[in-house]
Amino acid sequence: NQHHLLHALREFEQFYTAHRPHQGI
């Protein structure tokens, strides 16, 4: 449902910007 989608997107955003290793320097 929409609540589950928003929760998943928030978790992914936090993971992507704060923890995930990026292919940069």
PDBML (XML) file of the C-alpha atoms, coordinates in Angstrom:
<?xml version="1.0" encoding="UTF-8" ?>
<PDBx:datablock datablockName="MODEL"
   xmlns:PDBx="http://pdbml.pdb.org/schema/pdbx-v50.xsd"
   xmlns:xsi="http://www.w3.org/2001/XMLSchema-instance"
   xsi:schemaLocation="http://pdbml.pdb.org/schema/pdbx-v50.xsd pdbx-v50.xsd">
   <PDBx:atom_siteCategory>
      <PDBx:atom_site id="1">
         <PDBx:B_iso_or_equiv>0.00</PDBx:B_iso_or_equiv>
         <PDBx:Cartn_x>0.000</PDBx:Cartn_x>
         <PDBx:Cartn_y>0.000</PDBx:Cartn_y>
         <PDBx:Cartn_z>0.000</PDBx:Cartn_z>
         <PDBx:auth_asym_id>A</PDBx:auth_asym_id>
         <PDBx:auth_atom_id>CA</PDBx:auth_atom_id>
         <PDBx:auth_comp_id>ASN</PDBx:auth_comp_id>
         <PDBx:auth_seq_id>1</PDBx:auth_seq_id>
         <PDBx:group_PDB>ATOM</PDBx:group_PDB>
         <PDBx:label_alt_id xsi:nil="true" />
         <PDBx:label_asym_id>A</PDBx:label_asym_id>
         <PDBx:label_atom_id>CA</PDBx:label_atom_id>
         <PDBx:label_comp_id>ASN</PDBx:label_comp_id>
         <PDBx:label_entity_id>1</PDBx:label_entity_id>
         <PDBx:label_seq_id>1</PDBx:label_seq_id>
         <PDBx:occupancy>1.00</PDBx:occupancy>
         <PDBx:pdbx_PDB_model_num>1</PDBx:pdbx_PDB_model_num>
         <PDBx:type_symbol>C</PDBx:type_symbol>
      </PDBx:atom_site>
      <PDBx:atom_site id="2">
         <PDBx:B_iso_or_equiv>0.00</PDBx:B_iso_or_equiv>
         <PDBx:Cartn_x>1.015</PDBx:Cartn_x>
         <PDBx:Cartn_y>3.662</PDBx:Cartn_y>
         <PDBx:Cartn_z>0.009</PDBx:Cartn_z>
         <PDBx:auth_asym_id>A</PDBx:auth_asym_id>
         <PDBx:auth_atom_id>CA</PDBx:auth_atom_id>
         <PDBx:auth_comp_id>GLN</PDBx:auth_comp_id>
         <PDBx:auth_seq_id>2</PDBx:auth_seq_id>
         <PDBx:group_PDB>ATOM</PDBx:group_PDB>
         <PDBx:label_alt_id xsi:nil="true" />
         <PDBx:label_asym_id>A</PDBx:label_asym_id>
         <PDBx:label_atom_id>CA</PDBx:label_atom_id>
         <PDBx:label_comp_id>GLN</PDBx:label_comp_id>
         <PDBx:label_entity_id>1</PDBx:label_entity_id>
         <PDBx:label_seq_id>2</PDBx:label_seq_id>
         <PDBx:occupancy>1.00</PDBx:occupancy>
         <PDBx:pdbx_PDB_model_num>1</PDBx:pdbx_PDB_model_num>
         <PDBx:type_symbol>C</PDBx:type_symbol>
      </PDBx:atom_site>
      <PDBx:atom_site id="3">
         <PDBx:B_iso_or_equiv>0.00</PDBx:B_iso_or_equiv>
         <PDBx:Cartn_x>2.286</PDBx:Cartn_x>
         <PDBx:Cartn_y>3.524</PDBx:Cartn_y>
         <PDBx:Cartn_z>3.602</PDBx:Cartn_z>
         <PDBx:auth_asym_id>A</PDBx:auth_asym_id>
         <PDBx:auth_atom_id>CA</PDBx:auth_atom_id>
         <PDBx:auth_comp_id>HIS</PDBx:auth_comp_id>
         <PDBx:auth_seq_id>3</PDBx:auth_seq_id>
         <PDBx:group_PDB>ATOM</PDBx:group_PDB>
         <PDBx:label_alt_id xsi:nil="true" />
         <PDBx:label_asym_id>A</PDBx:label_asym_id>
         <PDBx:label_atom_id>CA</PDBx:label_atom_id>
         <PDBx:label_comp_id>HIS</PDBx:label_comp_id>
         <PDBx:label_entity_id>1</PDBx:label_entity_id>
         <PDBx:label_seq_id>3</PDBx:label_seq_id>
         <PDBx:occupancy>1.00</PDBx:occupancy>
         <PDBx:pdbx_PDB_model_num>1</PDBx:pdbx_PDB_model_num>
         <PDBx:type_symbol>C</PDBx:type_symbol>
      </PDBx:atom_site>
      <PDBx:atom_site id="4">
         <PDBx:B_iso_or_equiv>0.00</PDBx:B_iso_or_equiv>
         <PDBx:Cartn_x>4.551</PDBx:Cartn_x>
         <PDBx:Cartn_y>0.573</PDBx:Cartn_y>
         <PDBx:Cartn_z>2.756</PDBx:Cartn_z>
         <PDBx:auth_asym_id>A</PDBx:auth_asym_id>
         <PDBx:auth_atom_id>CA</PDBx:auth_atom_id>
         <PDBx:auth_comp_id>HIS</PDBx:auth_comp_id>
         <PDBx:auth_seq_id>4</PDBx:auth_seq_id>
         <PDBx:group_PDB>ATOM</PDBx:group_PDB>
         <PDBx:label_alt_id xsi:nil="true" />
         <PDBx:label_asym_id>A</PDBx:label_asym_id>
         <PDBx:label_atom_id>CA</PDBx:label_atom_id>
         <PDBx:label_comp_id>HIS</PDBx:label_comp_id>
         <PDBx:label_entity_id>1</PDBx:label_entity_id>
         <PDBx:label_seq_id>4</PDBx:label_seq_id>
         <PDBx:occupancy>1.00</PDBx:occupancy>
         <PDBx:pdbx_PDB_model_num>1</PDBx:pdbx_PDB_model_num>
         <PDBx:type_symbol>C</PDBx:type_symbol>
      </PDBx:atom_site>
      <PDBx:atom_site id="5">
         <PDBx:B_iso_or_equiv>0.00</PDBx:B_iso_or_equiv>
         <PDBx:Cartn_x>5.815</PDBx:Cartn_x>
         <PDBx:Cartn_y>2.337</PDBx:Cartn_y>
         <PDBx:Cartn_z>-0.394</PDBx:Cartn_z>
         <PDBx:auth_asym_id>A</PDBx:auth_asym_id>
         <PDBx:auth_atom_id>CA</PDBx:auth_atom_id>
         <PDBx:auth_comp_id>LEU</PDBx:auth_comp_id>
         <PDBx:auth_seq_id>5</PDBx:auth_seq_id>
         <PDBx:group_PDB>ATOM</PDBx:group_PDB>
         <PDBx:label_alt_id xsi:nil="true" />
         <PDBx:label_asym_id>A</PDBx:label_asym_id>
         <PDBx:label_atom_id>CA</PDBx:label_atom_id>
         <PDBx:label_comp_id>LEU</PDBx:label_comp_id>
         <PDBx:label_entity_id>1</PDBx:label_entity_id>
         <PDBx:label_seq_id>5</PDBx:label_seq_id>
         <PDBx:occupancy>1.00</PDBx:occupancy>
         <PDBx:pdbx_PDB_model_num>1</PDBx:pdbx_PDB_model_num>
         <PDBx:type_symbol>C</PDBx:type_symbol>
      </PDBx:atom_site>
      <PDBx:atom_site id="6">
         <PDBx:B_iso_or_equiv>0.00</PDBx:B_iso_or_equiv>
         <PDBx:Cartn_x>6.674</PDBx:Cartn_x>
         <PDBx:Cartn_y>5.530</PDBx:Cartn_y>
         <PDBx:Cartn_z>1.506</PDBx:Cartn_z>
         <PDBx:auth_asym_id>A</PDBx:auth_asym_id>
         <PDBx:auth_atom_id>CA</PDBx:auth_atom_id>
         <PDBx:auth_comp_id>LEU</PDBx:auth_comp_id>
         <PDBx:auth_seq_id>6</PDBx:auth_seq_id>
         <PDBx:group_PDB>ATOM</PDBx:group_PDB>
         <PDBx:label_alt_id xsi:nil="true" />
         <PDBx:label_asym_id>A</PDBx:label_asym_id>
         <PDBx:label_atom_id>CA</PDBx:label_atom_id>
         <PDBx:label_comp_id>LEU</PDBx:label_comp_id>
         <PDBx:label_entity_id>1</PDBx:label_entity_id>
         <PDBx:label_seq_id>6</PDBx:label_seq_id>
         <PDBx:occupancy>1.00</PDBx:occupancy>
         <PDBx:pdbx_PDB_model_num>1</PDBx:pdbx_PDB_model_num>
         <PDBx:type_symbol>C</PDBx:type_symbol>
      </PDBx:atom_site>
      <PDBx:atom_site id="7">
         <PDBx:B_iso_or_equiv>0.00</PDBx:B_iso_or_equiv>
         <PDBx:Cartn_x>8.447</PDBx:Cartn_x>
         <PDBx:Cartn_y>3.532</PDBx:Cartn_y>
         <PDBx:Cartn_z>4.241</PDBx:Cartn_z>
         <PDBx:auth_asym_id>A</PDBx:auth_asym_id>
         <PDBx:auth_atom_id>CA</PDBx:auth_atom_id>
         <PDBx:auth_comp_id>HIS</PDBx:auth_comp_id>
         <PDBx:auth_seq_id>7</PDBx:auth_seq_id>
         <PDBx:group_PDB>ATOM</PDBx:group_PDB>
         <PDBx:label_alt_id xsi:nil="true" />
         <PDBx:label_asym_id>A</PDBx:label_asym_id>
         <PDBx:label_atom_id>CA</PDBx:label_atom_id>
         <PDBx:label_comp_id>HIS</PDBx:label_comp_id>
         <PDBx:label_entity_id>1</PDBx:label_entity_id>
         <PDBx:label_seq_id>7</PDBx:label_seq_id>
         <PDBx:occupancy>1.00</PDBx:occupancy>
         <PDBx:pdbx_PDB_model_num>1</PDBx:pdbx_PDB_model_num>
         <PDBx:type_symbol>C</PDBx:type_symbol>
      </PDBx:atom_site>
      <PDBx:atom_site id="8">
         <PDBx:B_iso_or_equiv>0.00</PDBx:B_iso_or_equiv>
         <PDBx:Cartn_x>10.500</PDBx:Cartn_x>
         <PDBx:Cartn_y>1.590</PDBx:Cartn_y>
         <PDBx:Cartn_z>1.671</PDBx:Cartn_z>
         <PDBx:auth_asym_id>A</PDBx:auth_asym_id>
         <PDBx:auth_atom_id>CA</PDBx:auth_atom_id>
         <PDBx:auth_comp_id>ALA</PDBx:auth_comp_id>
         <PDBx:auth_seq_id>8</PDBx:auth_seq_id>
         <PDBx:group_PDB>ATOM</PDBx:group_PDB>
         <PDBx:label_alt_id xsi:nil="true" />
         <PDBx:label_asym_id>A</PDBx:label_asym_id>
         <PDBx:label_atom_id>CA</PDBx:label_atom_id>
         <PDBx:label_comp_id>ALA</PDBx:label_comp_id>
         <PDBx:label_entity_id>1</PDBx:label_entity_id>
         <PDBx:label_seq_id>8</PDBx:label_seq_id>
         <PDBx:occupancy>1.00</PDBx:occupancy>
         <PDBx:pdbx_PDB_model_num>1</PDBx:pdbx_PDB_model_num>
         <PDBx:type_symbol>C</PDBx:type_symbol>
      </PDBx:atom_site>
      <PDBx:atom_site id="9">
         <PDBx:B_iso_or_equiv>0.00</PDBx:B_iso_or_equiv>
         <PDBx:Cartn_x>11.431</PDBx:Cartn_x>
         <PDBx:Cartn_y>4.769</PDBx:Cartn_y>
         <PDBx:Cartn_z>-0.218</PDBx:Cartn_z>
         <PDBx:auth_asym_id>A</PDBx:auth_asym_id>
         <PDBx:auth_atom_id>CA</PDBx:auth_atom_id>
         <PDBx:auth_comp_id>LEU</PDBx:auth_comp_id>
         <PDBx:auth_seq_id>9</PDBx:auth_seq_id>
         <PDBx:group_PDB>ATOM</PDBx:group_PDB>
         <PDBx:label_alt_id xsi:nil="true" />
         <PDBx:label_asym_id>A</PDBx:label_asym_id>
         <PDBx:label_atom_id>CA</PDBx:label_atom_id>
         <PDBx:label_comp_id>LEU</PDBx:label_comp_id>
         <PDBx:label_entity_id>1</PDBx:label_entity_id>
         <PDBx:label_seq_id>9</PDBx:label_seq_id>
         <PDBx:occupancy>1.00</PDBx:occupancy>
         <PDBx:pdbx_PDB_model_num>1</PDBx:pdbx_PDB_model_num>
         <PDBx:type_symbol>C</PDBx:type_symbol>
      </PDBx:atom_site>
      <PDBx:atom_site id="10">
         <PDBx:B_iso_or_equiv>0.00</PDBx:B_iso_or_equiv>
         <PDBx:Cartn_x>12.496</PDBx:Cartn_x>
         <PDBx:Cartn_y>6.542</PDBx:Cartn_y>
         <PDBx:Cartn_z>3.005</PDBx:Cartn_z>
         <PDBx:auth_asym_id>A</PDBx:auth_asym_id>
         <PDBx:auth_atom_id>CA</PDBx:auth_atom_id>
         <PDBx:auth_comp_id>ARG</PDBx:auth_comp_id>
         <PDBx:auth_seq_id>10</PDBx:auth_seq_id>
         <PDBx:group_PDB>ATOM</PDBx:group_PDB>
         <PDBx:label_alt_id xsi:nil="true" />
         <PDBx:label_asym_id>A</PDBx:label_asym_id>
         <PDBx:label_atom_id>CA</PDBx:label_atom_id>
         <PDBx:label_comp_id>ARG</PDBx:label_comp_id>
         <PDBx:label_entity_id>1</PDBx:label_entity_id>
         <PDBx:label_seq_id>10</PDBx:label_seq_id>
         <PDBx:occupancy>1.00</PDBx:occupancy>
         <PDBx:pdbx_PDB_model_num>1</PDBx:pdbx_PDB_model_num>
         <PDBx:type_symbol>C</PDBx:type_symbol>
      </PDBx:atom_site>
      <PDBx:atom_site id="11">
         <PDBx:B_iso_or_equiv>0.00</PDBx:B_iso_or_equiv>
         <PDBx:Cartn_x>14.663</PDBx:Cartn_x>
         <PDBx:Cartn_y>3.582</PDBx:Cartn_y>
         <PDBx:Cartn_z>4.047</PDBx:Cartn_z>
         <PDBx:auth_asym_id>A</PDBx:auth_asym_id>
         <PDBx:auth_atom_id>CA</PDBx:auth_atom_id>
         <PDBx:auth_comp_id>GLU</PDBx:auth_comp_id>
         <PDBx:auth_seq_id>11</PDBx:auth_seq_id>
         <PDBx:group_PDB>ATOM</PDBx:group_PDB>
         <PDBx:label_alt_id xsi:nil="true" />
         <PDBx:label_asym_id>A</PDBx:label_asym_id>
         <PDBx:label_atom_id>CA</PDBx:label_atom_id>
         <PDBx:label_comp_id>GLU</PDBx:label_comp_id>
         <PDBx:label_entity_id>1</PDBx:label_entity_id>
         <PDBx:label_seq_id>11</PDBx:label_seq_id>
         <PDBx:occupancy>1.00</PDBx:occupancy>
         <PDBx:pdbx_PDB_model_num>1</PDBx:pdbx_PDB_model_num>
         <PDBx:type_symbol>C</PDBx:type_symbol>
      </PDBx:atom_site>
      <PDBx:atom_site id="12">
         <PDBx:B_iso_or_equiv>0.00</PDBx:B_iso_or_equiv>
         <PDBx:Cartn_x>16.235</PDBx:Cartn_x>
         <PDBx:Cartn_y>3.381</PDBx:Cartn_y>
         <PDBx:Cartn_z>0.583</PDBx:Cartn_z>
         <PDBx:auth_asym_id>A</PDBx:auth_asym_id>
         <PDBx:auth_atom_id>CA</PDBx:auth_atom_id>
         <PDBx:auth_comp_id>PHE</PDBx:auth_comp_id>
         <PDBx:auth_seq_id>12</PDBx:auth_seq_id>
         <PDBx:group_PDB>ATOM</PDBx:group_PDB>
         <PDBx:label_alt_id xsi:nil="true" />
         <PDBx:label_asym_id>A</PDBx:label_asym_id>
         <PDBx:label_atom_id>CA</PDBx:label_atom_id>
         <PDBx:label_comp_id>PHE</PDBx:label_comp_id>
         <PDBx:label_entity_id>1</PDBx:label_entity_id>
         <PDBx:label_seq_id>12</PDBx:label_seq_id>
         <PDBx:occupancy>1.00</PDBx:occupancy>
         <PDBx:pdbx_PDB_model_num>1</PDBx:pdbx_PDB_model_num>
         <PDBx:type_symbol>C</PDBx:type_symbol>
      </PDBx:atom_site>
      <PDBx:atom_site id="13">
         <PDBx:B_iso_or_equiv>0.00</PDBx:B_iso_or_equiv>
         <PDBx:Cartn_x>16.930</PDBx:Cartn_x>
         <PDBx:Cartn_y>7.123</PDBx:Cartn_y>
         <PDBx:Cartn_z>0.486</PDBx:Cartn_z>
         <PDBx:auth_asym_id>A</PDBx:auth_asym_id>
         <PDBx:auth_atom_id>CA</PDBx:auth_atom_id>
         <PDBx:auth_comp_id>GLU</PDBx:auth_comp_id>
         <PDBx:auth_seq_id>13</PDBx:auth_seq_id>
         <PDBx:group_PDB>ATOM</PDBx:group_PDB>
         <PDBx:label_alt_id xsi:nil="true" />
         <PDBx:label_asym_id>A</PDBx:label_asym_id>
         <PDBx:label_atom_id>CA</PDBx:label_atom_id>
         <PDBx:label_comp_id>GLU</PDBx:label_comp_id>
         <PDBx:label_entity_id>1</PDBx:label_entity_id>
         <PDBx:label_seq_id>13</PDBx:label_seq_id>
         <PDBx:occupancy>1.00</PDBx:occupancy>
         <PDBx:pdbx_PDB_model_num>1</PDBx:pdbx_PDB_model_num>
         <PDBx:type_symbol>C</PDBx:type_symbol>
      </PDBx:atom_site>
      <PDBx:atom_site id="14">
         <PDBx:B_iso_or_equiv>0.00</PDBx:B_iso_or_equiv>
         <PDBx:Cartn_x>18.633</PDBx:Cartn_x>
         <PDBx:Cartn_y>7.017</PDBx:Cartn_y>
         <PDBx:Cartn_z>3.903</PDBx:Cartn_z>
         <PDBx:auth_asym_id>A</PDBx:auth_asym_id>
         <PDBx:auth_atom_id>CA</PDBx:auth_atom_id>
         <PDBx:auth_comp_id>GLN</PDBx:auth_comp_id>
         <PDBx:auth_seq_id>14</PDBx:auth_seq_id>
         <PDBx:group_PDB>ATOM</PDBx:group_PDB>
         <PDBx:label_alt_id xsi:nil="true" />
         <PDBx:label_asym_id>A</PDBx:label_asym_id>
         <PDBx:label_atom_id>CA</PDBx:label_atom_id>
         <PDBx:label_comp_id>GLN</PDBx:label_comp_id>
         <PDBx:label_entity_id>1</PDBx:label_entity_id>
         <PDBx:label_seq_id>14</PDBx:label_seq_id>
         <PDBx:occupancy>1.00</PDBx:occupancy>
         <PDBx:pdbx_PDB_model_num>1</PDBx:pdbx_PDB_model_num>
         <PDBx:type_symbol>C</PDBx:type_symbol>
      </PDBx:atom_site>
      <PDBx:atom_site id="15">
         <PDBx:B_iso_or_equiv>0.00</PDBx:B_iso_or_equiv>
         <PDBx:Cartn_x>20.658</PDBx:Cartn_x>
         <PDBx:Cartn_y>3.946</PDBx:Cartn_y>
         <PDBx:Cartn_z>2.892</PDBx:Cartn_z>
         <PDBx:auth_asym_id>A</PDBx:auth_asym_id>
         <PDBx:auth_atom_id>CA</PDBx:auth_atom_id>
         <PDBx:auth_comp_id>PHE</PDBx:auth_comp_id>
         <PDBx:auth_seq_id>15</PDBx:auth_seq_id>
         <PDBx:group_PDB>ATOM</PDBx:group_PDB>
         <PDBx:label_alt_id xsi:nil="true" />
         <PDBx:label_asym_id>A</PDBx:label_asym_id>
         <PDBx:label_atom_id>CA</PDBx:label_atom_id>
         <PDBx:label_comp_id>PHE</PDBx:label_comp_id>
         <PDBx:label_entity_id>1</PDBx:label_entity_id>
         <PDBx:label_seq_id>15</PDBx:label_seq_id>
         <PDBx:occupancy>1.00</PDBx:occupancy>
         <PDBx:pdbx_PDB_model_num>1</PDBx:pdbx_PDB_model_num>
         <PDBx:type_symbol>C</PDBx:type_symbol>
      </PDBx:atom_site>
      <PDBx:atom_site id="16">
         <PDBx:B_iso_or_equiv>0.00</PDBx:B_iso_or_equiv>
         <PDBx:Cartn_x>21.606</PDBx:Cartn_x>
         <PDBx:Cartn_y>5.418</PDBx:Cartn_y>
         <PDBx:Cartn_z>-0.495</PDBx:Cartn_z>
         <PDBx:auth_asym_id>A</PDBx:auth_asym_id>
         <PDBx:auth_atom_id>CA</PDBx:auth_atom_id>
         <PDBx:auth_comp_id>TYR</PDBx:auth_comp_id>
         <PDBx:auth_seq_id>16</PDBx:auth_seq_id>
         <PDBx:group_PDB>ATOM</PDBx:group_PDB>
         <PDBx:label_alt_id xsi:nil="true" />
         <PDBx:label_asym_id>A</PDBx:label_asym_id>
         <PDBx:label_atom_id>CA</PDBx:label_atom_id>
         <PDBx:label_comp_id>TYR</PDBx:label_comp_id>
         <PDBx:label_entity_id>1</PDBx:label_entity_id>
         <PDBx:label_seq_id>16</PDBx:label_seq_id>
         <PDBx:occupancy>1.00</PDBx:occupancy>
         <PDBx:pdbx_PDB_model_num>1</PDBx:pdbx_PDB_model_num>
         <PDBx:type_symbol>C</PDBx:type_symbol>
      </PDBx:atom_site>
      <PDBx:atom_site id="17">
         <PDBx:B_iso_or_equiv>0.00</PDBx:B_iso_or_equiv>
         <PDBx:Cartn_x>22.758</PDBx:Cartn_x>
         <PDBx:Cartn_y>8.805</PDBx:Cartn_y>
         <PDBx:Cartn_z>0.809</PDBx:Cartn_z>
         <PDBx:auth_asym_id>A</PDBx:auth_asym_id>
         <PDBx:auth_atom_id>CA</PDBx:auth_atom_id>
         <PDBx:auth_comp_id>THR</PDBx:auth_comp_id>
         <PDBx:auth_seq_id>17</PDBx:auth_seq_id>
         <PDBx:group_PDB>ATOM</PDBx:group_PDB>
         <PDBx:label_alt_id xsi:nil="true" />
         <PDBx:label_asym_id>A</PDBx:label_asym_id>
         <PDBx:label_atom_id>CA</PDBx:label_atom_id>
         <PDBx:label_comp_id>THR</PDBx:label_comp_id>
         <PDBx:label_entity_id>1</PDBx:label_entity_id>
         <PDBx:label_seq_id>17</PDBx:label_seq_id>
         <PDBx:occupancy>1.00</PDBx:occupancy>
         <PDBx:pdbx_PDB_model_num>1</PDBx:pdbx_PDB_model_num>
         <PDBx:type_symbol>C</PDBx:type_symbol>
      </PDBx:atom_site>
      <PDBx:atom_site id="18">
         <PDBx:B_iso_or_equiv>0.00</PDBx:B_iso_or_equiv>
         <PDBx:Cartn_x>24.288</PDBx:Cartn_x>
         <PDBx:Cartn_y>7.785</PDBx:Cartn_y>
         <PDBx:Cartn_z>4.154</PDBx:Cartn_z>
         <PDBx:auth_asym_id>A</PDBx:auth_asym_id>
         <PDBx:auth_atom_id>CA</PDBx:auth_atom_id>
         <PDBx:auth_comp_id>ALA</PDBx:auth_comp_id>
         <PDBx:auth_seq_id>18</PDBx:auth_seq_id>
         <PDBx:group_PDB>ATOM</PDBx:group_PDB>
         <PDBx:label_alt_id xsi:nil="true" />
         <PDBx:label_asym_id>A</PDBx:label_asym_id>
         <PDBx:label_atom_id>CA</PDBx:label_atom_id>
         <PDBx:label_comp_id>ALA</PDBx:label_comp_id>
         <PDBx:label_entity_id>1</PDBx:label_entity_id>
         <PDBx:label_seq_id>18</PDBx:label_seq_id>
         <PDBx:occupancy>1.00</PDBx:occupancy>
         <PDBx:pdbx_PDB_model_num>1</PDBx:pdbx_PDB_model_num>
         <PDBx:type_symbol>C</PDBx:type_symbol>
      </PDBx:atom_site>
      <PDBx:atom_site id="19">
         <PDBx:B_iso_or_equiv>0.00</PDBx:B_iso_or_equiv>
         <PDBx:Cartn_x>25.701</PDBx:Cartn_x>
         <PDBx:Cartn_y>4.290</PDBx:Cartn_y>
         <PDBx:Cartn_z>3.856</PDBx:Cartn_z>
         <PDBx:auth_asym_id>A</PDBx:auth_asym_id>
         <PDBx:auth_atom_id>CA</PDBx:auth_atom_id>
         <PDBx:auth_comp_id>HIS</PDBx:auth_comp_id>
         <PDBx:auth_seq_id>19</PDBx:auth_seq_id>
         <PDBx:group_PDB>ATOM</PDBx:group_PDB>
         <PDBx:label_alt_id xsi:nil="true" />
         <PDBx:label_asym_id>A</PDBx:label_asym_id>
         <PDBx:label_atom_id>CA</PDBx:label_atom_id>
         <PDBx:label_comp_id>HIS</PDBx:label_comp_id>
         <PDBx:label_entity_id>1</PDBx:label_entity_id>
         <PDBx:label_seq_id>19</PDBx:label_seq_id>
         <PDBx:occupancy>1.00</PDBx:occupancy>
         <PDBx:pdbx_PDB_model_num>1</PDBx:pdbx_PDB_model_num>
         <PDBx:type_symbol>C</PDBx:type_symbol>
      </PDBx:atom_site>
      <PDBx:atom_site id="20">
         <PDBx:B_iso_or_equiv>0.00</PDBx:B_iso_or_equiv>
         <PDBx:Cartn_x>25.882</PDBx:Cartn_x>
         <PDBx:Cartn_y>2.865</PDBx:Cartn_y>
         <PDBx:Cartn_z>0.334</PDBx:Cartn_z>
         <PDBx:auth_asym_id>A</PDBx:auth_asym_id>
         <PDBx:auth_atom_id>CA</PDBx:auth_atom_id>
         <PDBx:auth_comp_id>ARG</PDBx:auth_comp_id>
         <PDBx:auth_seq_id>20</PDBx:auth_seq_id>
         <PDBx:group_PDB>ATOM</PDBx:group_PDB>
         <PDBx:label_alt_id xsi:nil="true" />
         <PDBx:label_asym_id>A</PDBx:label_asym_id>
         <PDBx:label_atom_id>CA</PDBx:label_atom_id>
         <PDBx:label_comp_id>ARG</PDBx:label_comp_id>
         <PDBx:label_entity_id>1</PDBx:label_entity_id>
         <PDBx:label_seq_id>20</PDBx:label_seq_id>
         <PDBx:occupancy>1.00</PDBx:occupancy>
         <PDBx:pdbx_PDB_model_num>1</PDBx:pdbx_PDB_model_num>
         <PDBx:type_symbol>C</PDBx:type_symbol>
      </PDBx:atom_site>
      <PDBx:atom_site id="21">
         <PDBx:B_iso_or_equiv>0.00</PDBx:B_iso_or_equiv>
         <PDBx:Cartn_x>29.382</PDBx:Cartn_x>
         <PDBx:Cartn_y>2.882</PDBx:Cartn_y>
         <PDBx:Cartn_z>-1.184</PDBx:Cartn_z>
         <PDBx:auth_asym_id>A</PDBx:auth_asym_id>
         <PDBx:auth_atom_id>CA</PDBx:auth_atom_id>
         <PDBx:auth_comp_id>PRO</PDBx:auth_comp_id>
         <PDBx:auth_seq_id>21</PDBx:auth_seq_id>
         <PDBx:group_PDB>ATOM</PDBx:group_PDB>
         <PDBx:label_alt_id xsi:nil="true" />
         <PDBx:label_asym_id>A</PDBx:label_asym_id>
         <PDBx:label_atom_id>CA</PDBx:label_atom_id>
         <PDBx:label_comp_id>PRO</PDBx:label_comp_id>
         <PDBx:label_entity_id>1</PDBx:label_entity_id>
         <PDBx:label_seq_id>21</PDBx:label_seq_id>
         <PDBx:occupancy>1.00</PDBx:occupancy>
         <PDBx:pdbx_PDB_model_num>1</PDBx:pdbx_PDB_model_num>
         <PDBx:type_symbol>C</PDBx:type_symbol>
      </PDBx:atom_site>
      <PDBx:atom_site id="22">
         <PDBx:B_iso_or_equiv>0.00</PDBx:B_iso_or_equiv>
         <PDBx:Cartn_x>29.434</PDBx:Cartn_x>
         <PDBx:Cartn_y>4.951</PDBx:Cartn_y>
         <PDBx:Cartn_z>-4.345</PDBx:Cartn_z>
         <PDBx:auth_asym_id>A</PDBx:auth_asym_id>
         <PDBx:auth_atom_id>CA</PDBx:auth_atom_id>
         <PDBx:auth_comp_id>HIS</PDBx:auth_comp_id>
         <PDBx:auth_seq_id>22</PDBx:auth_seq_id>
         <PDBx:group_PDB>ATOM</PDBx:group_PDB>
         <PDBx:label_alt_id xsi:nil="true" />
         <PDBx:label_asym_id>A</PDBx:label_asym_id>
         <PDBx:label_atom_id>CA</PDBx:label_atom_id>
         <PDBx:label_comp_id>HIS</PDBx:label_comp_id>
         <PDBx:label_entity_id>1</PDBx:label_entity_id>
         <PDBx:label_seq_id>22</PDBx:label_seq_id>
         <PDBx:occupancy>1.00</PDBx:occupancy>
         <PDBx:pdbx_PDB_model_num>1</PDBx:pdbx_PDB_model_num>
         <PDBx:type_symbol>C</PDBx:type_symbol>
      </PDBx:atom_site>
      <PDBx:atom_site id="23">
         <PDBx:B_iso_or_equiv>0.00</PDBx:B_iso_or_equiv>
         <PDBx:Cartn_x>31.599</PDBx:Cartn_x>
         <PDBx:Cartn_y>4.556</PDBx:Cartn_y>
         <PDBx:Cartn_z>-7.410</PDBx:Cartn_z>
         <PDBx:auth_asym_id>A</PDBx:auth_asym_id>
         <PDBx:auth_atom_id>CA</PDBx:auth_atom_id>
         <PDBx:auth_comp_id>GLN</PDBx:auth_comp_id>
         <PDBx:auth_seq_id>23</PDBx:auth_seq_id>
         <PDBx:group_PDB>ATOM</PDBx:group_PDB>
         <PDBx:label_alt_id xsi:nil="true" />
         <PDBx:label_asym_id>A</PDBx:label_asym_id>
         <PDBx:label_atom_id>CA</PDBx:label_atom_id>
         <PDBx:label_comp_id>GLN</PDBx:label_comp_id>
         <PDBx:label_entity_id>1</PDBx:label_entity_id>
         <PDBx:label_seq_id>23</PDBx:label_seq_id>
         <PDBx:occupancy>1.00</PDBx:occupancy>
         <PDBx:pdbx_PDB_model_num>1</PDBx:pdbx_PDB_model_num>
         <PDBx:type_symbol>C</PDBx:type_symbol>
      </PDBx:atom_site>
      <PDBx:atom_site id="24">
         <PDBx:B_iso_or_equiv>0.00</PDBx:B_iso_or_equiv>
         <PDBx:Cartn_x>33.398</PDBx:Cartn_x>
         <PDBx:Cartn_y>7.827</PDBx:Cartn_y>
         <PDBx:Cartn_z>-6.894</PDBx:Cartn_z>
         <PDBx:auth_asym_id>A</PDBx:auth_asym_id>
         <PDBx:auth_atom_id>CA</PDBx:auth_atom_id>
         <PDBx:auth_comp_id>GLY</PDBx:auth_comp_id>
         <PDBx:auth_seq_id>24</PDBx:auth_seq_id>
         <PDBx:group_PDB>ATOM</PDBx:group_PDB>
         <PDBx:label_alt_id xsi:nil="true" />
         <PDBx:label_asym_id>A</PDBx:label_asym_id>
         <PDBx:label_atom_id>CA</PDBx:label_atom_id>
         <PDBx:label_comp_id>GLY</PDBx:label_comp_id>
         <PDBx:label_entity_id>1</PDBx:label_entity_id>
         <PDBx:label_seq_id>24</PDBx:label_seq_id>
         <PDBx:occupancy>1.00</PDBx:occupancy>
         <PDBx:pdbx_PDB_model_num>1</PDBx:pdbx_PDB_model_num>
         <PDBx:type_symbol>C</PDBx:type_symbol>
      </PDBx:atom_site>
      <PDBx:atom_site id="25">
         <PDBx:B_iso_or_equiv>0.00</PDBx:B_iso_or_equiv>
         <PDBx:Cartn_x>36.792</PDBx:Cartn_x>
         <PDBx:Cartn_y>8.729</PDBx:Cartn_y>
         <PDBx:Cartn_z>-5.518</PDBx:Cartn_z>
         <PDBx:auth_asym_id>A</PDBx:auth_asym_id>
         <PDBx:auth_atom_id>CA</PDBx:auth_atom_id>
         <PDBx:auth_comp_id>ILE</PDBx:auth_comp_id>
         <PDBx:auth_seq_id>25</PDBx:auth_seq_id>
         <PDBx:group_PDB>ATOM</PDBx:group_PDB>
         <PDBx:label_alt_id xsi:nil="true" />
         <PDBx:label_asym_id>A</PDBx:label_asym_id>
         <PDBx:label_atom_id>CA</PDBx:label_atom_id>
         <PDBx:label_comp_id>ILE</PDBx:label_comp_id>
         <PDBx:label_entity_id>1</PDBx:label_entity_id>
         <PDBx:label_seq_id>25</PDBx:label_seq_id>
         <PDBx:occupancy>1.00</PDBx:occupancy>
         <PDBx:pdbx_PDB_model_num>1</PDBx:pdbx_PDB_model_num>
         <PDBx:type_symbol>C</PDBx:type_symbol>
      </PDBx:atom_site>
   </PDBx:atom_siteCategory>
</PDBx:datablock>
